[in-house]
PDB file of all heavy atoms in Angstrom:
ATOM      1  N   GLN A   1      10.927   4.104  -9.623  1.00  0.00           N
ATOM      2  CA  GLN A   1      12.306   3.659  -9.832  1.00  0.00           C
ATOM      3  C   GLN A   1      12.471   3.154 -11.261  1.00  0.00           C
ATOM      4  O   GLN A   1      11.874   2.156 -11.662  1.00  0.00           O
ATOM      5  CB  GLN A   1      12.664   2.549  -8.839  1.00  0.00           C
ATOM      6  CG  GLN A   1      12.727   3.013  -7.399  1.00  0.00           C
ATOM      7  CD  GLN A   1      13.802   4.074  -7.187  1.00  0.00           C
ATOM      8  OE1 GLN A   1      14.982   3.821  -7.416  1.00  0.00           O
ATOM      9  NE2 GLN A   1      13.386   5.263  -6.771  1.00  0.00           N
ATOM     10  N   GLY A   2      13.271   3.840 -12.029  1.00  0.00           N
ATOM     11  CA  GLY A   2      13.466   3.477 -13.429  1.00  0.00           C
ATOM     12  C   GLY A   2      12.359   4.039 -14.302  1.00  0.00           C
ATOM     13  O   GLY A   2      11.301   4.444 -13.832  1.00  0.00           O
ATOM     14  N   ILE A   3      12.599   4.068 -15.580  1.00  0.00           N
ATOM     15  CA  ILE A   3      11.635   4.601 -16.548  1.00  0.00           C
ATOM     16  C   ILE A   3      10.633   3.510 -16.897  1.00  0.00           C
ATOM     17  O   ILE A   3      11.003   2.386 -17.231  1.00  0.00           O
ATOM     18  CB  ILE A   3      12.360   5.100 -17.822  1.00  0.00           C
ATOM     19  CG1 ILE A   3      13.313   6.241 -17.461  1.00  0.00           C
ATOM     20  CG2 ILE A   3      11.346   5.533 -18.878  1.00  0.00           C
ATOM     21  CD1 ILE A   3      14.196   6.675 -18.609  1.00  0.00           C
ATOM     22  N   LYS A   4       9.363   3.849 -16.801  1.00  0.00           N
ATOM     23  CA  LYS A   4       8.308   2.909 -17.155  1.00  0.00           C
ATOM     24  C   LYS A   4       7.733   3.268 -18.518  1.00  0.00           C
ATOM     25  O   LYS A   4       7.530   4.445 -18.834  1.00  0.00           O
ATOM     26  CB  LYS A   4       7.191   2.932 -16.110  1.00  0.00           C
ATOM     27  CG  LYS A   4       7.633   2.544 -14.699  1.00  0.00           C
ATOM     28  CD  LYS A   4       8.065   1.096 -14.621  1.00  0.00           C
ATOM     29  CE  LYS A   4       8.377   0.677 -13.185  1.00  0.00           C
ATOM     30  NZ  LYS A   4       9.500   1.412 -12.587  1.00  0.00           N
ATOM     31  N   SER A   5       7.494   2.227 -19.317  1.00  0.00           N
ATOM     32  CA  SER A   5       6.889   2.389 -20.631  1.00  0.00           C
ATOM     33  C   SER A   5       5.426   1.975 -20.572  1.00  0.00           C
ATOM     34  O   SER A   5       5.007   1.238 -19.664  1.00  0.00           O
ATOM     35  CB  SER A   5       7.634   1.522 -21.648  1.00  0.00           C
ATOM     36  OG  SER A   5       6.859   1.305 -22.802  1.00  0.00           O
ATOM     37  N   TYR A   6       4.660   2.411 -21.551  1.00  0.00           N
ATOM     38  CA  TYR A   6       3.271   1.980 -21.642  1.00  0.00           C
ATOM     39  C   TYR A   6       3.180   0.464 -21.774  1.00  0.00           C
ATOM     40  O   TYR A   6       2.178  -0.153 -21.409  1.00  0.00           O
ATOM     41  CB  TYR A   6       2.573   2.670 -22.820  1.00  0.00           C
ATOM     42  CG  TYR A   6       3.060   2.238 -24.189  1.00  0.00           C
ATOM     43  CD1 TYR A   6       2.385   1.253 -24.907  1.00  0.00           C
ATOM     44  CD2 TYR A   6       4.181   2.815 -24.773  1.00  0.00           C
ATOM     45  CE1 TYR A   6       2.823   0.851 -26.159  1.00  0.00           C
ATOM     46  CE2 TYR A   6       4.623   2.430 -26.020  1.00  0.00           C
ATOM     47  CZ  TYR A   6       3.944   1.440 -26.712  1.00  0.00           C
ATOM     48  OH  TYR A   6       4.382   1.049 -27.960  1.00  0.00           O
ATOM     49  N   ARG A   7       4.261  -0.155 -22.293  1.00  0.00           N
ATOM     50  CA  ARG A   7       4.270  -1.615 -22.433  1.00  0.00           C
ATOM     51  C   ARG A   7       4.396  -2.314 -21.078  1.00  0.00           C
ATOM     52  O   ARG A   7       4.080  -3.500 -20.955  1.00  0.00           O
ATOM     53  CB  ARG A   7       5.430  -2.062 -23.330  1.00  0.00           C
ATOM     54  CG  ARG A   7       5.323  -1.602 -24.785  1.00  0.00           C
ATOM     55  CD  ARG A   7       6.416  -2.252 -25.606  1.00  0.00           C
ATOM     56  NE  ARG A   7       6.405  -1.808 -26.991  1.00  0.00           N
ATOM     57  CZ  ARG A   7       7.079  -0.760 -27.452  1.00  0.00           C
ATOM     58  NH1 ARG A   7       7.837  -0.055 -26.607  1.00  0.00           N
ATOM     59  NH2 ARG A   7       7.022  -0.412 -28.716  1.00  0.00           N
ATOM     60  N   ASP A   8       4.896  -1.602 -20.058  1.00  0.00           N
ATOM     61  CA  ASP A   8       5.059  -2.190 -18.722  1.00  0.00           C
ATOM     62  C   ASP A   8       3.742  -2.241 -17.945  1.00  0.00           C
ATOM     63  O   ASP A   8       3.688  -2.848 -16.869  1.00  0.00           O
ATOM     64  CB  ASP A   8       6.069  -1.376 -17.895  1.00  0.00           C
ATOM     65  CG  ASP A   8       7.451  -1.368 -18.519  1.00  0.00           C
ATOM     66  OD1 ASP A   8       7.863  -2.430 -19.024  1.00  0.00           O
ATOM     67  OD2 ASP A   8       8.098  -0.306 -18.505  1.00  0.00           O
ATOM     68  N   LEU A   9       2.733  -1.580 -18.474  1.00  0.00           N
ATOM     69  CA  LEU A   9       1.469  -1.465 -17.752  1.00  0.00           C
ATOM     70  C   LEU A   9       0.447  -2.472 -18.282  1.00  0.00           C
ATOM     71  O   LEU A   9       0.467  -2.797 -19.475  1.00  0.00           O
ATOM     72  CB  LEU A   9       0.921  -0.037 -17.867  1.00  0.00           C
ATOM     73  CG  LEU A   9       1.874   1.074 -17.422  1.00  0.00           C
ATOM     74  CD1 LEU A   9       1.177   2.422 -17.509  1.00  0.00           C
ATOM     75  CD2 LEU A   9       2.395   0.828 -16.028  1.00  0.00           C
ATOM     76  N   PRO A  10      -0.399  -2.998 -17.418  1.00  0.00           N
ATOM     77  CA  PRO A  10      -0.540  -2.669 -15.999  1.00  0.00           C
ATOM     78  C   PRO A  10       0.560  -3.305 -15.148  1.00  0.00           C
ATOM     79  O   PRO A  10       0.994  -4.420 -15.423  1.00  0.00           O
ATOM     80  CB  PRO A  10      -1.898  -3.256 -15.629  1.00  0.00           C
ATOM     81  CG  PRO A  10      -2.070  -4.410 -16.573  1.00  0.00           C
ATOM     82  CD  PRO A  10      -1.416  -3.988 -17.846  1.00  0.00           C
ATOM     83  N   LEU A  11       0.984  -2.576 -14.113  1.00  0.00           N
ATOM     84  CA  LEU A  11       1.931  -3.078 -13.129  1.00  0.00           C
ATOM     85  C   LEU A  11       1.182  -3.240 -11.820  1.00  0.00           C
ATOM     86  O   LEU A  11       0.678  -2.278 -11.254  1.00  0.00           O
ATOM     87  CB  LEU A  11       3.097  -2.105 -12.964  1.00  0.00           C
ATOM     88  CG  LEU A  11       4.148  -2.480 -11.913  1.00  0.00           C
ATOM     89  CD1 LEU A  11       4.811  -3.806 -12.253  1.00  0.00           C
ATOM     90  CD2 LEU A  11       5.206  -1.374 -11.797  1.00  0.00           C
ATOM     91  N   ARG A  12       1.109  -4.500 -11.342  1.00  0.00           N
ATOM     92  CA  ARG A  12       0.324  -4.806 -10.140  1.00  0.00           C
ATOM     93  C   ARG A  12       1.292  -5.099  -8.998  1.00  0.00           C
ATOM     94  O   ARG A  12       1.940  -6.158  -8.997  1.00  0.00           O
ATOM     95  CB  ARG A  12      -0.596  -5.992 -10.397  1.00  0.00           C
ATOM     96  CG  ARG A  12      -1.472  -5.835 -11.644  1.00  0.00           C
ATOM     97  CD  ARG A  12      -2.353  -7.067 -11.877  1.00  0.00           C
ATOM     98  NE  ARG A  12      -3.020  -6.974 -13.170  1.00  0.00           N
ATOM     99  CZ  ARG A  12      -2.618  -7.598 -14.268  1.00  0.00           C
ATOM    100  NH1 ARG A  12      -1.525  -8.365 -14.230  1.00  0.00           N
ATOM    101  NH2 ARG A  12      -3.276  -7.466 -15.393  1.00  0.00           N
ATOM    102  N   LEU A  13       1.387  -4.183  -8.033  1.00  0.00           N
ATOM    103  CA  LEU A  13       2.284  -4.337  -6.887  1.00  0.00           C
ATOM    104  C   LEU A  13       1.468  -4.727  -5.662  1.00  0.00           C
ATOM    105  O   LEU A  13       0.509  -4.035  -5.297  1.00  0.00           O
ATOM    106  CB  LEU A  13       3.044  -3.036  -6.611  1.00  0.00           C
ATOM    107  CG  LEU A  13       3.949  -2.531  -7.744  1.00  0.00           C
ATOM    108  CD1 LEU A  13       4.650  -1.245  -7.312  1.00  0.00           C
ATOM    109  CD2 LEU A  13       4.979  -3.584  -8.140  1.00  0.00           C
ATOM    110  N   TYR A  14       1.876  -5.823  -5.015  1.00  0.00           N
ATOM    111  CA  TYR A  14       1.139  -6.369  -3.870  1.00  0.00           C
ATOM    112  C   TYR A  14       2.035  -6.352  -2.640  1.00  0.00           C
ATOM    113  O   TYR A  14       3.238  -6.580  -2.731  1.00  0.00           O
ATOM    114  CB  TYR A  14       0.710  -7.807  -4.156  1.00  0.00           C
ATOM    115  CG  TYR A  14       0.045  -8.493  -2.977  1.00  0.00           C
ATOM    116  CD1 TYR A  14      -1.328  -8.383  -2.776  1.00  0.00           C
ATOM    117  CD2 TYR A  14       0.783  -9.227  -2.063  1.00  0.00           C
ATOM    118  CE1 TYR A  14      -1.943  -8.999  -1.691  1.00  0.00           C
ATOM    119  CE2 TYR A  14       0.182  -9.848  -0.972  1.00  0.00           C
ATOM    120  CZ  TYR A  14      -1.181  -9.726  -0.793  1.00  0.00           C
ATOM    121  OH  TYR A  14      -1.795 -10.326   0.272  1.00  0.00           O
ATOM    122  N   GLU A  15       1.422  -6.096  -1.463  1.00  0.00           N
ATOM    123  CA  GLU A  15       2.179  -6.140  -0.219  1.00  0.00           C
ATOM    124  C   GLU A  15       1.281  -6.571   0.929  1.00  0.00           C
ATOM    125  O   GLU A  15       0.178  -6.044   1.096  1.00  0.00           O
ATOM    126  CB  GLU A  15       2.778  -4.764   0.113  1.00  0.00           C
ATOM    127  CG  GLU A  15       3.569  -4.755   1.414  1.00  0.00           C
ATOM    128  CD  GLU A  15       4.314  -3.451   1.669  1.00  0.00           C
ATOM    129  OE1 GLU A  15       4.092  -2.477   0.921  1.00  0.00           O
ATOM    130  OE2 GLU A  15       5.122  -3.422   2.609  1.00  0.00           O
ATOM    131  N   ASN A  16       1.776  -7.538   1.724  1.00  0.00           N
ATOM    132  CA  ASN A  16       1.174  -7.780   3.030  1.00  0.00           C
ATOM    133  C   ASN A  16       1.766  -6.721   3.948  1.00  0.00           C
ATOM    134  O   ASN A  16       2.739  -6.963   4.659  1.00  0.00           O
ATOM    135  CB  ASN A  16       1.502  -9.194   3.520  1.00  0.00           C
ATOM    136  CG  ASN A  16       0.710 -10.243   2.765  1.00  0.00           C
ATOM    137  OD1 ASN A  16      -0.495 -10.108   2.587  1.00  0.00           O
ATOM    138  ND2 ASN A  16       1.383 -11.285   2.302  1.00  0.00           N
ATOM    139  N   GLY A  17       1.177  -5.545   3.885  1.00  0.00           N
ATOM    140  CA  GLY A  17       1.794  -4.360   4.474  1.00  0.00           C
ATOM    141  C   GLY A  17       1.316  -4.077   5.881  1.00  0.00           C
ATOM    142  O   GLY A  17       0.121  -3.858   6.117  1.00  0.00           O
ATOM    143  N   CYS A  18       2.244  -4.055   6.826  1.00  0.00           N
ATOM    144  CA  CYS A  18       1.927  -3.729   8.220  1.00  0.00           C
ATOM    145  C   CYS A  18       1.796  -2.217   8.368  1.00  0.00           C
ATOM    146  O   CYS A  18       2.716  -1.467   8.019  1.00  0.00           O
ATOM    147  CB  CYS A  18       3.010  -4.266   9.139  1.00  0.00           C
ATOM    148  SG  CYS A  18       2.699  -3.933  10.886  1.00  0.00           S
ATOM    149  N   CYS A  19       0.659  -1.753   8.871  1.00  0.00           N
ATOM    150  CA  CYS A  19       0.374  -0.320   9.001  1.00  0.00           C
ATOM    151  C   CYS A  19      -0.042  -0.005  10.443  1.00  0.00           C
ATOM    152  O   CYS A  19      -0.435  -0.886  11.203  1.00  0.00           O
ATOM    153  CB  CYS A  19      -0.750   0.096   8.050  1.00  0.00           C
ATOM    154  SG  CYS A  19      -0.373  -0.168   6.308  1.00  0.00           S
ATOM    155  N   HIS A  20       0.064   1.282  10.795  1.00  0.00           N
ATOM    156  CA  HIS A  20      -0.334   1.745  12.124  1.00  0.00           C
ATOM    157  C   HIS A  20      -1.234   2.965  11.977  1.00  0.00           C
ATOM    158  O   HIS A  20      -0.913   3.881  11.211  1.00  0.00           O
ATOM    159  CB  HIS A  20       0.885   2.140  12.962  1.00  0.00           C
ATOM    160  CG  HIS A  20       1.750   0.981  13.362  1.00  0.00           C
ATOM    161  ND1 HIS A  20       2.629   0.370  12.490  1.00  0.00           N
ATOM    162  CD2 HIS A  20       1.856   0.323  14.544  1.00  0.00           C
ATOM    163  CE1 HIS A  20       3.248  -0.615  13.130  1.00  0.00           C
ATOM    164  NE2 HIS A  20       2.803  -0.662  14.369  1.00  0.00           N
ATOM    165  N   ARG A  21      -2.338   2.963  12.717  1.00  0.00           N
ATOM    166  CA  ARG A  21      -3.228   4.123  12.755  1.00  0.00           C
ATOM    167  C   ARG A  21      -3.569   4.425  14.209  1.00  0.00           C
ATOM    168  O   ARG A  21      -3.874   3.522  14.985  1.00  0.00           O
ATOM    169  CB  ARG A  21      -4.497   3.879  11.932  1.00  0.00           C
ATOM    170  CG  ARG A  21      -4.197   3.743  10.444  1.00  0.00           C
ATOM    171  CD  ARG A  21      -5.411   3.528   9.592  1.00  0.00           C
ATOM    172  NE  ARG A  21      -5.013   3.280   8.210  1.00  0.00           N
ATOM    173  CZ  ARG A  21      -5.849   2.908   7.236  1.00  0.00           C
ATOM    174  NH1 ARG A  21      -7.138   2.753   7.499  1.00  0.00           N
ATOM    175  NH2 ARG A  21      -5.397   2.699   6.021  1.00  0.00           N
ATOM    176  N   ASN A  22      -3.537   5.704  14.539  1.00  0.00           N
ATOM    177  CA  ASN A  22      -3.693   6.125  15.936  1.00  0.00           C
ATOM    178  C   ASN A  22      -5.169   6.228  16.299  1.00  0.00           C
ATOM    179  O   ASN A  22      -5.736   7.310  16.417  1.00  0.00           O
ATOM    180  CB  ASN A  22      -2.987   7.463  16.147  1.00  0.00           C
ATOM    181  CG  ASN A  22      -2.833   7.804  17.611  1.00  0.00           C
ATOM    182  OD1 ASN A  22      -3.242   7.046  18.478  1.00  0.00           O
ATOM    183  ND2 ASN A  22      -2.244   8.942  17.893  1.00  0.00           N
ATOM    184  N   GLU A  23      -5.786   5.063  16.481  1.00  0.00           N
ATOM    185  CA  GLU A  23      -7.197   5.012  16.861  1.00  0.00           C
ATOM    186  C   GLU A  23      -7.343   5.351  18.347  1.00  0.00           C
ATOM    187  O   GLU A  23      -6.500   4.966  19.166  1.00  0.00           O
ATOM    188  CB  GLU A  23      -7.760   3.613  16.606  1.00  0.00           C
ATOM    189  CG  GLU A  23      -7.653   3.132  15.162  1.00  0.00           C
ATOM    190  CD  GLU A  23      -8.725   3.714  14.273  1.00  0.00           C
ATOM    191  OE1 GLU A  23      -9.513   4.553  14.767  1.00  0.00           O
ATOM    192  OE2 GLU A  23      -8.773   3.357  13.088  1.00  0.00           O
ATOM    193  N   PRO A  24      -8.417   6.057  18.739  1.00  0.00           N
ATOM    194  CA  PRO A  24      -8.644   6.326  20.163  1.00  0.00           C
ATOM    195  C   PRO A  24      -8.787   5.026  20.951  1.00  0.00           C
ATOM    196  O   PRO A  24      -9.334   4.042  20.435  1.00  0.00           O
ATOM    197  CB  PRO A  24      -9.965   7.114  20.169  1.00  0.00           C
ATOM    198  CG  PRO A  24     -10.134   7.610  18.775  1.00  0.00           C
ATOM    199  CD  PRO A  24      -9.466   6.633  17.881  1.00  0.00           C
ATOM    200  N   HIS A  25      -8.327   5.025  22.197  1.00  0.00           N
ATOM    201  CA  HIS A  25      -8.400   3.818  23.017  1.00  0.00           C
ATOM    202  C   HIS A  25      -9.828   3.289  23.101  1.00  0.00           C
ATOM    203  O   HIS A  25     -10.057   2.082  23.034  1.00  0.00           O
ATOM    204  CB  HIS A  25      -7.866   4.096  24.422  1.00  0.00           C
ATOM    205  CG  HIS A  25      -6.374   4.246  24.469  1.00  0.00           C
ATOM    206  ND1 HIS A  25      -5.656   4.181  25.647  1.00  0.00           N
ATOM    207  CD2 HIS A  25      -5.452   4.450  23.492  1.00  0.00           C
ATOM    208  CE1 HIS A  25      -4.374   4.338  25.389  1.00  0.00           C
ATOM    209  NE2 HIS A  25      -4.231   4.518  24.094  1.00  0.00           N
ATOM    210  N   GLY A  26     -10.784   4.194  23.262  1.00  0.00           N
ATOM    211  CA  GLY A  26     -12.170   3.761  23.437  1.00  0.00           C
ATOM    212  C   GLY A  26     -12.787   3.151  22.198  1.00  0.00           C
ATOM    213  O   GLY A  26     -13.821   2.495  22.282  1.00  0.00           O
ATOM    214  N   ALA A  27     -12.161   3.359  21.039  1.00  0.00           N
ATOM    215  CA  ALA A  27     -12.710   2.819  19.793  1.00  0.00           C
ATOM    216  C   ALA A  27     -12.165   1.434  19.470  1.00  0.00           C
ATOM    217  O   ALA A  27     -12.666   0.764  18.574  1.00  0.00           O
ATOM    218  CB  ALA A  27     -12.398   3.772  18.634  1.00  0.00           C
ATOM    219  N   LEU A  28     -11.136   0.992  20.195  1.00  0.00           N
ATOM    220  CA  LEU A  28     -10.507  -0.295  19.903  1.00  0.00           C
ATOM    221  C   LEU A  28     -11.464  -1.430  20.266  1.00  0.00           C
ATOM    222  O   LEU A  28     -12.179  -1.368  21.256  1.00  0.00           O
ATOM    223  CB  LEU A  28      -9.197  -0.428  20.674  1.00  0.00           C
ATOM    224  CG  LEU A  28      -8.156   0.665  20.381  1.00  0.00           C
ATOM    225  CD1 LEU A  28      -6.953   0.503  21.298  1.00  0.00           C
ATOM    226  CD2 LEU A  28      -7.727   0.639  18.918  1.00  0.00           C
ATOM    227  N   HIS A  29     -11.440  -2.489  19.446  1.00  0.00           N
ATOM    228  CA  HIS A  29     -12.379  -3.590  19.673  1.00  0.00           C
ATOM    229  C   HIS A  29     -11.779  -4.889  19.148  1.00  0.00           C
ATOM    230  O   HIS A  29     -11.897  -5.209  17.967  1.00  0.00           O
ATOM    231  CB  HIS A  29     -13.711  -3.311  18.974  1.00  0.00           C
ATOM    232  CG  HIS A  29     -14.722  -4.411  19.145  1.00  0.00           C
ATOM    233  ND1 HIS A  29     -15.372  -4.646  20.340  1.00  0.00           N
ATOM    234  CD2 HIS A  29     -15.191  -5.338  18.284  1.00  0.00           C
ATOM    235  CE1 HIS A  29     -16.210  -5.663  20.191  1.00  0.00           C
ATOM    236  NE2 HIS A  29     -16.104  -6.105  18.951  1.00  0.00           N
TER     237      HIS A  29
END
């Protein structure tokens, strides 16, 4: 989003990101 310049770097983006992965039932622990 928007034009980034070399002066903008490094850009460190952080997220407490909720994710889902379809693990087999038998592998859950």
